[in-house]
Amino acid sequence: MQVSYAWQYRGRWNRVATESSETPLPLQAGSQEEFITEHFWGYAQAGRKPTGEYQVAHPRWDLYQVQRYQVDCDFAALYGSRFADLARREPQSVFLAEGSAVEVYSKKNIVG
């Protein structure tokens, strides 16, 4: 199965893509993928506004085994010059999750 996502930022197209197995596998307990996908709290802060905390809920996601991947992003433009070298580095983890509908609860301000 092939999955890709592309977006344009400042006139340049950025893209991430995977080629994976057709059959999903259960998420393994204690895995890095479980640690990332099973986070149910998010935090956001913009400018001088207070930090907000929000809860996210979704069923446990199955994973597809990634056979090949491509990352073509201008990390410096997207995230700042300190991230420029990411374009030359191998990612530490690449996975494709089944996904589902996600419920996001109301934000609460936690830092004034």
PDB file of N, CA and C in Angstrom:
ATOM      1  N   MET A   1       0.853  -1.166   0.000  1.00  0.00           N
ATOM      2  CA  MET A   1       0.000   0.000   0.000  1.00  0.00           C
ATOM      3  C   MET A   1       0.904   1.236   0.000  1.00  0.00           C
ATOM      4  N   GLN A   2       0.527   2.239  -0.766  1.00  0.00           N
ATOM      5  CA  GLN A   2       1.287   3.493  -0.814  1.00  0.00           C
ATOM      6  C   GLN A   2       0.443   4.616  -0.217  1.00  0.00           C
ATOM      7  N   VAL A   3       1.088   5.377   0.670  1.00  0.00           N
ATOM      8  CA  VAL A   3       0.430   6.518   1.306  1.00  0.00           C
ATOM      9  C   VAL A   3       1.401   7.689   1.268  1.00  0.00           C
ATOM     10  N   SER A   4       0.888   8.861   0.895  1.00  0.00           N
ATOM     11  CA  SER A   4       1.754  10.044   0.903  1.00  0.00           C
ATOM     12  C   SER A   4       0.955  11.265   1.330  1.00  0.00           C
ATOM     13  N   TYR A   5       1.687  12.261   1.795  1.00  0.00           N
ATOM     14  CA  TYR A   5       1.098  13.535   2.193  1.00  0.00           C
ATOM     15  C   TYR A   5       2.036  14.623   1.698  1.00  0.00           C
ATOM     16  N   ALA A   6       1.483  15.628   1.043  1.00  0.00           N
ATOM     17  CA  ALA A   6       2.293  16.733   0.517  1.00  0.00           C
ATOM     18  C   ALA A   6       1.632  18.052   0.870  1.00  0.00           C
ATOM     19  N   TRP A   7       2.461  19.074   1.081  1.00  0.00           N
ATOM     20  CA  TRP A   7       1.967  20.413   1.370  1.00  0.00           C
ATOM     21  C   TRP A   7       2.953  21.429   0.827  1.00  0.00           C
ATOM     22  N   GLN A   8       2.423  22.592   0.503  1.00  0.00           N
ATOM     23  CA  GLN A   8       3.257  23.658  -0.039  1.00  0.00           C
ATOM     24  C   GLN A   8       3.480  24.710   1.039  1.00  0.00           C
ATOM     25  N   TYR A   9       4.752  25.111   1.197  1.00  0.00           N
ATOM     26  CA  TYR A   9       5.102  26.148   2.155  1.00  0.00           C
ATOM     27  C   TYR A   9       6.121  27.063   1.508  1.00  0.00           C
ATOM     28  N   ARG A  10       5.786  28.335   1.449  1.00  0.00           N
ATOM     29  CA  ARG A  10       6.649  29.343   0.827  1.00  0.00           C
ATOM     30  C   ARG A  10       7.077  28.943  -0.586  1.00  0.00           C
ATOM     31  N   GLY A  11       6.127  28.425  -1.349  1.00  0.00           N
ATOM     32  CA  GLY A  11       6.367  28.097  -2.751  1.00  0.00           C
ATOM     33  C   GLY A  11       7.056  26.772  -3.011  1.00  0.00           C
ATOM     34  N   ARG A  12       7.421  26.026  -1.967  1.00  0.00           N
ATOM     35  CA  ARG A  12       8.087  24.731  -2.146  1.00  0.00           C
ATOM     36  C   ARG A  12       7.175  23.612  -1.665  1.00  0.00           C
ATOM     37  N   TRP A  13       7.084  22.556  -2.467  1.00  0.00           N
ATOM     38  CA  TRP A  13       6.317  21.390  -2.059  1.00  0.00           C
ATOM     39  C   TRP A  13       7.157  20.514  -1.142  1.00  0.00           C
ATOM     40  N   ASN A  14       6.573  20.087  -0.043  1.00  0.00           N
ATOM     41  CA  ASN A  14       7.180  19.162   0.907  1.00  0.00           C
ATOM     42  C   ASN A  14       6.362  17.885   0.868  1.00  0.00           C
ATOM     43  N   ARG A  15       7.021  16.732   1.149  1.00  0.00           N
ATOM     44  CA  ARG A  15       6.308  15.465   0.998  1.00  0.00           C
ATOM     45  C   ARG A  15       6.898  14.412   1.920  1.00  0.00           C
ATOM     46  N   VAL A  16       6.015  13.600   2.498  1.00  0.00           N
ATOM     47  CA  VAL A  16       6.399  12.373   3.176  1.00  0.00           C
ATOM     48  C   VAL A  16       5.569  11.249   2.562  1.00  0.00           C
ATOM     49  N   ALA A  17       6.188  10.082   2.387  1.00  0.00           N
ATOM     50  CA  ALA A  17       5.497   8.978   1.725  1.00  0.00           C
ATOM     51  C   ALA A  17       5.996   7.653   2.276  1.00  0.00           C
ATOM     52  N   THR A  18       5.124   6.651   2.260  1.00  0.00           N
ATOM     53  CA  THR A  18       5.510   5.300   2.657  1.00  0.00           C
ATOM     54  C   THR A  18       4.948   4.289   1.675  1.00  0.00           C
ATOM     55  N   GLU A  19       5.641   3.184   1.591  1.00  0.00           N
ATOM     56  CA  GLU A  19       5.121   1.989   0.937  1.00  0.00           C
ATOM     57  C   GLU A  19       5.131   0.928   2.021  1.00  0.00           C
ATOM     58  N   SER A  20       3.973   0.286   2.245  1.00  0.00           N
ATOM     59  CA  SER A  20       3.863  -0.621   3.387  1.00  0.00           C
ATOM     60  C   SER A  20       3.087  -1.878   3.028  1.00  0.00           C
ATOM     61  N   SER A  21       3.036  -2.787   3.998  1.00  0.00           N
ATOM     62  CA  SER A  21       2.253  -4.011   3.846  1.00  0.00           C
ATOM     63  C   SER A  21       0.777  -3.649   3.671  1.00  0.00           C
ATOM     64  N   GLU A  22       0.003  -4.588   3.157  1.00  0.00           N
ATOM     65  CA  GLU A  22      -1.438  -4.372   2.957  1.00  0.00           C
ATOM     66  C   GLU A  22      -2.258  -4.710   4.201  1.00  0.00           C
ATOM     67  N   THR A  23      -1.693  -5.508   5.089  1.00  0.00           N
ATOM     68  CA  THR A  23      -2.420  -5.994   6.257  1.00  0.00           C
ATOM     69  C   THR A  23      -1.885  -5.357   7.535  1.00  0.00           C
ATOM     70  N   PRO A  24      -2.764  -4.747   8.316  1.00  0.00           N
ATOM     71  CA  PRO A  24      -2.298  -4.133   9.567  1.00  0.00           C
ATOM     72  C   PRO A  24      -2.002  -5.192  10.624  1.00  0.00           C
ATOM     73  N   LEU A  25      -1.097  -4.825  11.539  1.00  0.00           N
ATOM     74  CA  LEU A  25      -0.732  -5.672  12.665  1.00  0.00           C
ATOM     75  C   LEU A  25      -1.067  -4.943  13.957  1.00  0.00           C
ATOM     76  N   PRO A  26      -1.364  -5.698  15.026  1.00  0.00           N
ATOM     77  CA  PRO A  26      -1.672  -5.028  16.303  1.00  0.00           C
ATOM     78  C   PRO A  26      -0.471  -4.245  16.821  1.00  0.00           C
ATOM     79  N   LEU A  27      -0.748  -3.159  17.477  1.00  0.00           N
ATOM     80  CA  LEU A  27       0.266  -2.343  18.137  1.00  0.00           C
ATOM     81  C   LEU A  27       0.884  -3.157  19.259  1.00  0.00           C
ATOM     82  N   GLN A  28       2.209  -3.177  19.337  1.00  0.00           N
ATOM     83  CA  GLN A  28       2.908  -3.963  20.355  1.00  0.00           C
ATOM     84  C   GLN A  28       3.049  -3.170  21.658  1.00  0.00           C
ATOM     85  N   ALA A  29       2.681  -3.792  22.755  1.00  0.00           N
ATOM     86  CA  ALA A  29       2.812  -3.154  24.074  1.00  0.00           C
ATOM     87  C   ALA A  29       4.276  -2.841  24.351  1.00  0.00           C
ATOM     88  N   GLY A  30       4.535  -1.632  24.846  1.00  0.00           N
ATOM     89  CA  GLY A  30       5.887  -1.219  25.197  1.00  0.00           C
ATOM     90  C   GLY A  30       6.729  -0.723  24.035  1.00  0.00           C
ATOM     91  N   SER A  31       6.177  -0.690  22.837  1.00  0.00           N
ATOM     92  CA  SER A  31       6.934  -0.269  21.653  1.00  0.00           C
ATOM     93  C   SER A  31       6.990   1.259  21.542  1.00  0.00           C
ATOM     94  N   GLN A  32       7.935   1.729  20.743  1.00  0.00           N
ATOM     95  CA  GLN A  32       8.042   3.167  20.474  1.00  0.00           C
ATOM     96  C   GLN A  32       6.762   3.659  19.793  1.00  0.00           C
ATOM     97  N   GLU A  33       6.201   2.845  18.915  1.00  0.00           N
ATOM     98  CA  GLU A  33       4.964   3.220  18.222  1.00  0.00           C
ATOM     99  C   GLU A  33       3.804   3.371  19.212  1.00  0.00           C
ATOM    100  N   GLU A  34       3.750   2.494  20.213  1.00  0.00           N
ATOM    101  CA  GLU A  34       2.713   2.626  21.228  1.00  0.00           C
ATOM    102  C   GLU A  34       2.903   3.916  22.028  1.00  0.00           C
ATOM    103  N   PHE A  35       4.144   4.215  22.372  1.00  0.00           N
ATOM    104  CA  PHE A  35       4.430   5.427  23.140  1.00  0.00           C
ATOM    105  C   PHE A  35       3.943   6.668  22.385  1.00  0.00           C
ATOM    106  N   ILE A  36       4.130   6.695  21.079  1.00  0.00           N
ATOM    107  CA  ILE A  36       3.748   7.868  20.284  1.00  0.00           C
ATOM    108  C   ILE A  36       2.243   7.911  20.039  1.00  0.00           C
ATOM    109  N   THR A  37       1.645   6.799  19.627  1.00  0.00           N
ATOM    110  CA  THR A  37       0.224   6.828  19.248  1.00  0.00           C
ATOM    111  C   THR A  37      -0.728   6.808  20.432  1.00  0.00           C
ATOM    112  N   GLU A  38      -0.288   6.333  21.578  1.00  0.00           N
ATOM    113  CA  GLU A  38      -1.174   6.218  22.732  1.00  0.00           C
ATOM    114  C   GLU A  38      -1.039   7.393  23.707  1.00  0.00           C
ATOM    115  N   HIS A  39      -0.581   8.522  23.210  1.00  0.00           N
ATOM    116  CA  HIS A  39      -0.573   9.752  24.020  1.00  0.00           C
ATOM    117  C   HIS A  39      -1.946  10.402  23.924  1.00  0.00           C
ATOM    118  N   PHE A  40      -2.537  10.694  25.053  1.00  0.00           N
ATOM    119  CA  PHE A  40      -3.903  11.214  25.038  1.00  0.00           C
ATOM    120  C   PHE A  40      -4.028  12.609  25.628  1.00  0.00           C
ATOM    121  N   TRP A  41      -2.890  13.302  25.744  1.00  0.00           N
ATOM    122  CA  TRP A  41      -2.908  14.687  26.199  1.00  0.00           C
ATOM    123  C   TRP A  41      -2.054  15.510  25.258  1.00  0.00           C
ATOM    124  N   GLY A  42      -2.537  16.695  24.903  1.00  0.00           N
ATOM    125  CA  GLY A  42      -1.792  17.609  24.052  1.00  0.00           C
ATOM    126  C   GLY A  42      -1.644  18.958  24.725  1.00  0.00           C
ATOM    127  N   TYR A  43      -0.625  19.690  24.304  1.00  0.00           N
ATOM    128  CA  TYR A  43      -0.328  21.001  24.884  1.00  0.00           C
ATOM    129  C   TYR A  43      -0.003  21.969  23.754  1.00  0.00           C
ATOM    130  N   ALA A  44      -0.476  23.183  23.872  1.00  0.00           N
ATOM    131  CA  ALA A  44      -0.222  24.193  22.846  1.00  0.00           C
ATOM    132  C   ALA A  44      -0.098  25.559  23.504  1.00  0.00           C
ATOM    133  N   GLN A  45       0.788  26.361  22.928  1.00  0.00           N
ATOM    134  CA  GLN A  45       0.985  27.721  23.431  1.00  0.00           C
ATOM    135  C   GLN A  45       1.332  28.594  22.241  1.00  0.00           C
ATOM    136  N   ALA A  46       0.716  29.751  22.163  1.00  0.00           N
ATOM    137  CA  ALA A  46       0.964  30.670  21.054  1.00  0.00           C
ATOM    138  C   ALA A  46       1.250  32.063  21.604  1.00  0.00           C
ATOM    139  N   GLY A  47       2.408  32.600  21.244  1.00  0.00           N
ATOM    140  CA  GLY A  47       2.761  33.947  21.682  1.00  0.00           C
ATOM    141  C   GLY A  47       2.749  34.066  23.191  1.00  0.00           C
ATOM    142  N   ARG A  48       2.054  35.085  23.686  1.00  0.00           N
ATOM    143  CA  ARG A  48       1.989  35.321  25.129  1.00  0.00           C
ATOM    144  C   ARG A  48       0.746  34.718  25.768  1.00  0.00           C
ATOM    145  N   LYS A  49      -0.014  33.973  24.995  1.00  0.00           N
ATOM    146  CA  LYS A  49      -1.216  33.345  25.539  1.00  0.00           C
ATOM    147  C   LYS A  49      -0.827  32.212  26.486  1.00  0.00           C
ATOM    148  N   PRO A  50      -1.710  31.875  27.424  1.00  0.00           N
ATOM    149  CA  PRO A  50      -1.408  30.777  28.351  1.00  0.00           C
ATOM    150  C   PRO A  50      -1.278  29.443  27.612  1.00  0.00           C
ATOM    151  N   THR A  51      -0.511  28.532  28.193  1.00  0.00           N
ATOM    152  CA  THR A  51      -0.404  27.181  27.652  1.00  0.00           C
ATOM    153  C   THR A  51      -1.729  26.474  27.867  1.00  0.00           C
ATOM    154  N   GLY A  52      -2.203  25.813  26.829  1.00  0.00           N
ATOM    155  CA  GLY A  52      -3.448  25.074  26.926  1.00  0.00           C
ATOM    156  C   GLY A  52      -3.189  23.579  26.966  1.00  0.00           C
ATOM    157  N   GLU A  53      -3.998  22.867  27.721  1.00  0.00           N
ATOM    158  CA  GLU A  53      -3.931  21.409  27.808  1.00  0.00           C
ATOM    159  C   GLU A  53      -5.259  20.869  27.294  1.00  0.00           C
ATOM    160  N   TYR A  54      -5.205  19.830  26.459  1.00  0.00           N
ATOM    161  CA  TYR A  54      -6.430  19.235  25.954  1.00  0.00           C
ATOM    162  C   TYR A  54      -6.279  17.720  25.891  1.00  0.00           C
ATOM    163  N   GLN A  55      -7.379  17.038  26.093  1.00  0.00           N
ATOM    164  CA  GLN A  55      -7.385  15.579  26.050  1.00  0.00           C
ATOM    165  C   GLN A  55      -7.850  15.109  24.682  1.00  0.00           C
ATOM    166  N   VAL A  56      -7.262  14.012  24.226  1.00  0.00           N
ATOM    167  CA  VAL A  56      -7.598  13.404  22.937  1.00  0.00           C
ATOM    168  C   VAL A  56      -7.963  11.946  23.200  1.00  0.00           C
ATOM    169  N   ALA A  57      -8.999  11.448  22.525  1.00  0.00           N
ATOM    170  CA  ALA A  57      -9.404  10.051  22.704  1.00  0.00           C
ATOM    171  C   ALA A  57      -9.596   9.391  21.342  1.00  0.00           C
ATOM    172  N   HIS A  58      -9.105   8.161  21.230  1.00  0.00           N
ATOM    173  CA  HIS A  58      -9.321   7.348  20.026  1.00  0.00           C
ATOM    174  C   HIS A  58      -9.058   5.889  20.368  1.00  0.00           C
ATOM    175  N   PRO A  59      -9.615   4.957  19.581  1.00  0.00           N
ATOM    176  CA  PRO A  59      -9.314   3.546  19.824  1.00  0.00           C
ATOM    177  C   PRO A  59      -7.844   3.245  19.504  1.00  0.00           C
ATOM    178  N   ARG A  60      -7.369   2.132  19.990  1.00  0.00           N
ATOM    179  CA  ARG A  60      -5.991   1.697  19.726  1.00  0.00           C
ATOM    180  C   ARG A  60      -5.836   1.452  18.221  1.00  0.00           C
ATOM    181  N   TRP A  61      -4.764   1.996  17.644  1.00  0.00           N
ATOM    182  CA  TRP A  61      -4.540   1.889  16.202  1.00  0.00           C
ATOM    183  C   TRP A  61      -3.623   0.719  15.864  1.00  0.00           C
ATOM    184  N   ASP A  62      -3.969  -0.008  14.812  1.00  0.00           N
ATOM    185  CA  ASP A  62      -3.087  -1.032  14.252  1.00  0.00           C
ATOM    186  C   ASP A  62      -2.034  -0.351  13.381  1.00  0.00           C
ATOM    187  N   LEU A  63      -0.952  -1.067  13.085  1.00  0.00           N
ATOM    188  CA  LEU A  63       0.144  -0.524  12.280  1.00  0.00           C
ATOM    189  C   LEU A  63       0.373  -1.352  11.031  1.00  0.00           C
ATOM    190  N   TYR A  64       0.832  -0.697   9.981  1.00  0.00           N
ATOM    191  CA  TYR A  64       1.267  -1.362   8.761  1.00  0.00           C
ATOM    192  C   TYR A  64       2.792  -1.372   8.756  1.00  0.00           C
ATOM    193  N   GLN A  65       3.378  -2.491   8.355  1.00  0.00           N
ATOM    194  CA  GLN A  65       4.837  -2.587   8.306  1.00  0.00           C
ATOM    195  C   GLN A  65       5.357  -1.781   7.123  1.00  0.00           C
ATOM    196  N   VAL A  66       6.176  -0.775   7.397  1.00  0.00           N
ATOM    197  CA  VAL A  66       6.726   0.099   6.357  1.00  0.00           C
ATOM    198  C   VAL A  66       7.909  -0.595   5.687  1.00  0.00           C
ATOM    199  N   GLN A  67       7.849  -0.664   4.362  1.00  0.00           N
ATOM    200  CA  GLN A  67       8.923  -1.290   3.591  1.00  0.00           C
ATOM    201  C   GLN A  67       9.859  -0.250   2.995  1.00  0.00           C
ATOM    202  N   ARG A  68       9.298   0.882   2.587  1.00  0.00           N
ATOM    203  CA  ARG A  68      10.097   1.984   2.049  1.00  0.00           C
ATOM    204  C   ARG A  68       9.430   3.291   2.463  1.00  0.00           C
ATOM    205  N   TYR A  69      10.240   4.335   2.524  1.00  0.00           N
ATOM    206  CA  TYR A  69       9.700   5.645   2.869  1.00  0.00           C
ATOM    207  C   TYR A  69      10.500   6.726   2.147  1.00  0.00           C
ATOM    208  N   GLN A  70       9.899   7.901   2.069  1.00  0.00           N
ATOM    209  CA  GLN A  70      10.568   9.073   1.490  1.00  0.00           C
ATOM    210  C   GLN A  70      10.186  10.292   2.322  1.00  0.00           C
ATOM    211  N   VAL A  71      11.182  11.113   2.642  1.00  0.00           N
ATOM    212  CA  VAL A  71      10.956  12.379   3.330  1.00  0.00           C
ATOM    213  C   VAL A  71      11.652  13.450   2.497  1.00  0.00           C
ATOM    214  N   ASP A  72      10.876  14.369   1.964  1.00  0.00           N
ATOM    215  CA  ASP A  72      11.427  15.469   1.160  1.00  0.00           C
ATOM    216  C   ASP A  72      10.844  16.770   1.703  1.00  0.00           C
ATOM    217  N   CYS A  73      11.524  17.324   2.704  1.00  0.00           N
ATOM    218  CA  CYS A  73      11.030  18.519   3.388  1.00  0.00           C
ATOM    219  C   CYS A  73      12.142  19.549   3.523  1.00  0.00           C
ATOM    220  N   ASP A  74      11.764  20.809   3.465  1.00  0.00           N
ATOM    221  CA  ASP A  74      12.690  21.902   3.749  1.00  0.00           C
ATOM    222  C   ASP A  74      12.558  22.220   5.238  1.00  0.00           C
ATOM    223  N   PHE A  75      13.282  21.461   6.053  1.00  0.00           N
ATOM    224  CA  PHE A  75      13.157  21.583   7.505  1.00  0.00           C
ATOM    225  C   PHE A  75      13.549  22.968   8.006  1.00  0.00           C
ATOM    226  N   ALA A  76      14.541  23.581   7.384  1.00  0.00           N
ATOM    227  CA  ALA A  76      14.972  24.917   7.818  1.00  0.00           C
ATOM    228  C   ALA A  76      13.846  25.935   7.633  1.00  0.00           C
ATOM    229  N   ALA A  77      13.170  25.900   6.499  1.00  0.00           N
ATOM    230  CA  ALA A  77      12.066  26.835   6.255  1.00  0.00           C
ATOM    231  C   ALA A  77      10.879  26.536   7.175  1.00  0.00           C
ATOM    232  N   LEU A  78      10.615  25.254   7.402  1.00  0.00           N
ATOM    233  CA  LEU A  78       9.462  24.868   8.210  1.00  0.00           C
ATOM    234  C   LEU A  78       9.657  25.125   9.699  1.00  0.00           C
ATOM    235  N   TYR A  79      10.864  24.831  10.214  1.00  0.00           N
ATOM    236  CA  TYR A  79      11.072  24.845  11.664  1.00  0.00           C
ATOM    237  C   TYR A  79      12.224  25.712  12.140  1.00  0.00           C
ATOM    238  N   GLY A  80      12.979  26.314  11.231  1.00  0.00           N
ATOM    239  CA  GLY A  80      14.104  27.161  11.610  1.00  0.00           C
ATOM    240  C   GLY A  80      15.436  26.518  11.258  1.00  0.00           C
ATOM    241  N   SER A  81      16.467  27.329  11.203  1.00  0.00           N
ATOM    242  CA  SER A  81      17.781  26.883  10.733  1.00  0.00           C
ATOM    243  C   SER A  81      18.390  25.775  11.589  1.00  0.00           C
ATOM    244  N   ARG A  82      18.053  25.709  12.866  1.00  0.00           N
ATOM    245  CA  ARG A  82      18.605  24.647  13.722  1.00  0.00           C
ATOM    246  C   ARG A  82      18.168  23.253  13.282  1.00  0.00           C
ATOM    247  N   PHE A  83      17.130  23.173  12.459  1.00  0.00           N
ATOM    248  CA  PHE A  83      16.609  21.878  12.008  1.00  0.00           C
ATOM    249  C   PHE A  83      17.032  21.534  10.586  1.00  0.00           C
ATOM    250  N   ALA A  84      17.871  22.346   9.977  1.00  0.00           N
ATOM    251  CA  ALA A  84      18.255  22.155   8.569  1.00  0.00           C
ATOM    252  C   ALA A  84      18.904  20.804   8.315  1.00  0.00           C
ATOM    253  N   ASP A  85      19.711  20.312   9.250  1.00  0.00           N
ATOM    254  CA  ASP A  85      20.424  19.050   9.020  1.00  0.00           C
ATOM    255  C   ASP A  85      19.518  17.822   9.025  1.00  0.00           C
ATOM    256  N   LEU A  86      18.263  17.951   9.400  1.00  0.00           N
ATOM    257  CA  LEU A  86      17.350  16.808   9.373  1.00  0.00           C
ATOM    258  C   LEU A  86      17.167  16.254   7.960  1.00  0.00           C
ATOM    259  N   ALA A  87      17.320  17.091   6.960  1.00  0.00           N
ATOM    260  CA  ALA A  87      17.176  16.634   5.574  1.00  0.00           C
ATOM    261  C   ALA A  87      18.245  15.611   5.202  1.00  0.00           C
ATOM    262  N   ARG A  88      19.369  15.604   5.906  1.00  0.00           N
ATOM    263  CA  ARG A  88      20.472  14.688   5.598  1.00  0.00           C
ATOM    264  C   ARG A  88      20.521  13.491   6.552  1.00  0.00           C
ATOM    265  N   ARG A  89      19.644  13.452   7.527  1.00  0.00           N
ATOM    266  CA  ARG A  89      19.685  12.388   8.537  1.00  0.00           C
ATOM    267  C   ARG A  89      18.588  11.359   8.304  1.00  0.00           C
ATOM    268  N   GLU A  90      18.865  10.134   8.744  1.00  0.00           N
ATOM    269  CA  GLU A  90      17.862   9.071   8.694  1.00  0.00           C
ATOM    270  C   GLU A  90      16.931   9.214   9.900  1.00  0.00           C
ATOM    271  N   PRO A  91      15.637   9.049   9.716  1.00  0.00           N
ATOM    272  CA  PRO A  91      14.732   9.113  10.864  1.00  0.00           C
ATOM    273  C   PRO A  91      14.979   7.943  11.815  1.00  0.00           C
ATOM    274  N   GLN A  92      14.713   8.147  13.081  1.00  0.00           N
ATOM    275  CA  GLN A  92      14.867   7.068  14.056  1.00  0.00           C
ATOM    276  C   GLN A  92      13.675   6.124  14.056  1.00  0.00           C
ATOM    277  N   SER A  93      12.560   6.588  13.512  1.00  0.00           N
ATOM    278  CA  SER A  93      11.354   5.771  13.495  1.00  0.00           C
ATOM    279  C   SER A  93      10.497   6.186  12.304  1.00  0.00           C
ATOM    280  N   VAL A  94       9.961   5.199  11.606  1.00  0.00           N
ATOM    281  CA  VAL A  94       8.993   5.446  10.538  1.00  0.00           C
ATOM    282  C   VAL A  94       7.911   4.381  10.685  1.00  0.00           C
ATOM    283  N   PHE A  95       6.672   4.826  10.841  1.00  0.00           N
ATOM    284  CA  PHE A  95       5.583   3.850  10.901  1.00  0.00           C
ATOM    285  C   PHE A  95       4.313   4.454  10.326  1.00  0.00           C
ATOM    286  N   LEU A  96       3.405   3.579   9.935  1.00  0.00           N
ATOM    287  CA  LEU A  96       2.119   3.979   9.377  1.00  0.00           C
ATOM    288  C   LEU A  96       1.024   3.357  10.233  1.00  0.00           C
ATOM    289  N   ALA A  97       0.202   4.201  10.849  1.00  0.00           N
ATOM    290  CA  ALA A  97      -0.873   3.746  11.729  1.00  0.00           C
ATOM    291  C   ALA A  97      -2.207   3.776  10.989  1.00  0.00           C
ATOM    292  N   GLU A  98      -3.093   2.871  11.367  1.00  0.00           N
ATOM    293  CA  GLU A  98      -4.420   2.780  10.770  1.00  0.00           C
ATOM    294  C   GLU A  98      -5.188   4.084  10.934  1.00  0.00           C
ATOM    295  N   GLY A  99      -5.168   4.659  12.106  1.00  0.00           N
ATOM    296  CA  GLY A  99      -5.900   5.894  12.352  1.00  0.00           C
ATOM    297  C   GLY A  99      -7.386   5.647  12.572  1.00  0.00           C
ATOM    298  N   SER A 100      -8.091   6.676  12.965  1.00  0.00           N
ATOM    299  CA  SER A 100      -9.518   6.586  13.243  1.00  0.00           C
ATOM    300  C   SER A 100     -10.047   7.991  13.482  1.00  0.00           C
ATOM    301  N   ALA A 101     -11.327   8.071  13.739  1.00  0.00           N
ATOM    302  CA  ALA A 101     -11.882   9.331  14.226  1.00  0.00           C
ATOM    303  C   ALA A 101     -11.247   9.623  15.579  1.00  0.00           C
ATOM    304  N   VAL A 102     -11.052  10.896  15.870  1.00  0.00           N
ATOM    305  CA  VAL A 102     -10.415  11.323  17.111  1.00  0.00           C
ATOM    306  C   VAL A 102     -11.324  12.339  17.783  1.00  0.00           C
ATOM    307  N   GLU A 103     -11.503  12.184  19.074  1.00  0.00           N
ATOM    308  CA  GLU A 103     -12.283  13.157  19.844  1.00  0.00           C
ATOM    309  C   GLU A 103     -11.316  14.050  20.602  1.00  0.00           C
ATOM    310  N   VAL A 104     -11.434  15.367  20.417  1.00  0.00           N
ATOM    311  CA  VAL A 104     -10.587  16.331  21.109  1.00  0.00           C
ATOM    312  C   VAL A 104     -11.479  17.108  22.064  1.00  0.00           C
ATOM    313  N   TYR A 105     -11.133  17.052  23.337  1.00  0.00           N
ATOM    314  CA  TYR A 105     -11.926  17.712  24.365  1.00  0.00           C
ATOM    315  C   TYR A 105     -11.511  19.182  24.504  1.00  0.00           C
ATOM    316  N   SER A 106     -12.331  19.946  25.195  1.00  0.00           N
ATOM    317  CA  SER A 106     -12.079  21.367  25.378  1.00  0.00           C
ATOM    318  C   SER A 106     -10.736  21.616  26.056  1.00  0.00           C
ATOM    319  N   LYS A 107     -10.102  22.695  25.619  1.00  0.00           N
ATOM    320  CA  LYS A 107      -8.806  23.102  26.164  1.00  0.00           C
ATOM    321  C   LYS A 107      -9.007  23.748  27.534  1.00  0.00           C
ATOM    322  N   LYS A 108      -8.028  23.483  28.436  1.00  0.00           N
ATOM    323  CA  LYS A 108      -7.970  24.172  29.724  1.00  0.00           C
ATOM    324  C   LYS A 108      -6.634  24.905  29.778  1.00  0.00           C
ATOM    325  N   ASN A 109      -6.649  26.150  30.221  1.00  0.00           N
ATOM    326  CA  ASN A 109      -5.397  26.896  30.406  1.00  0.00           C
ATOM    327  C   ASN A 109      -4.726  26.370  31.673  1.00  0.00           C
ATOM    328  N   ILE A 110      -3.415  26.049  31.543  1.00  0.00           N
ATOM    329  CA  ILE A 110      -2.709  25.494  32.702  1.00  0.00           C
ATOM    330  C   ILE A 110      -1.562  26.380  33.181  1.00  0.00           C
ATOM    331  N   VAL A 111      -1.121  27.355  32.358  1.00  0.00           N
ATOM    332  CA  VAL A 111      -0.054  28.263  32.753  1.00  0.00           C
ATOM    333  C   VAL A 111      -0.514  29.666  32.407  1.00  0.00           C
ATOM    334  N   GLY A 112      -0.458  30.578  33.375  1.00  0.00           N
ATOM    335  CA  GLY A 112      -0.949  31.939  33.155  1.00  0.00           C
ATOM    336  C   GLY A 112       0.069  32.821  32.733  1.00  0.00           C
TER     337      GLY A 112
END
